[in-house]
Amino acid sequence: MFSNPISAQRHHQDACWWTAVAQDDISGDGTTSTIAKRATLHLLENFKTPVVMGDEPDREILKMVARTTIRTKLYEALADQLTDIVVNSVSALYSKAEKH
């Protein structure tokens, strides 16, 4: 296609430049998303509400936490079925740790 190696190199450089421009125009360089992520984390750190638990963890709170967490990974119906299993497992580990 190119008889002159310099022309081929120039064409390659132009193609790389245009590709970089298109990438930046379409998806950006990540600056905005990085700033948004840091601002979100800062907001969450200042917005969170501490939950004070007594000697025994409240089973209903544990169930809500487990259900919410599992639902981010599995279908809702399956997550709901696994909620009690997870809470029972954590409770068993907690009880075992308390004995030692």
Foldseek 3Di string as FASTA:
>chain_A
DDPDPVVVVVVVVVVVVVVVVVCCVPPRPCPVVVVVVVVVVVCCVVPDDDDDADPDGDLVVQLVVQLVVVVVPDPNVVSNVCSVVVSVVVNVVVVVVVVD
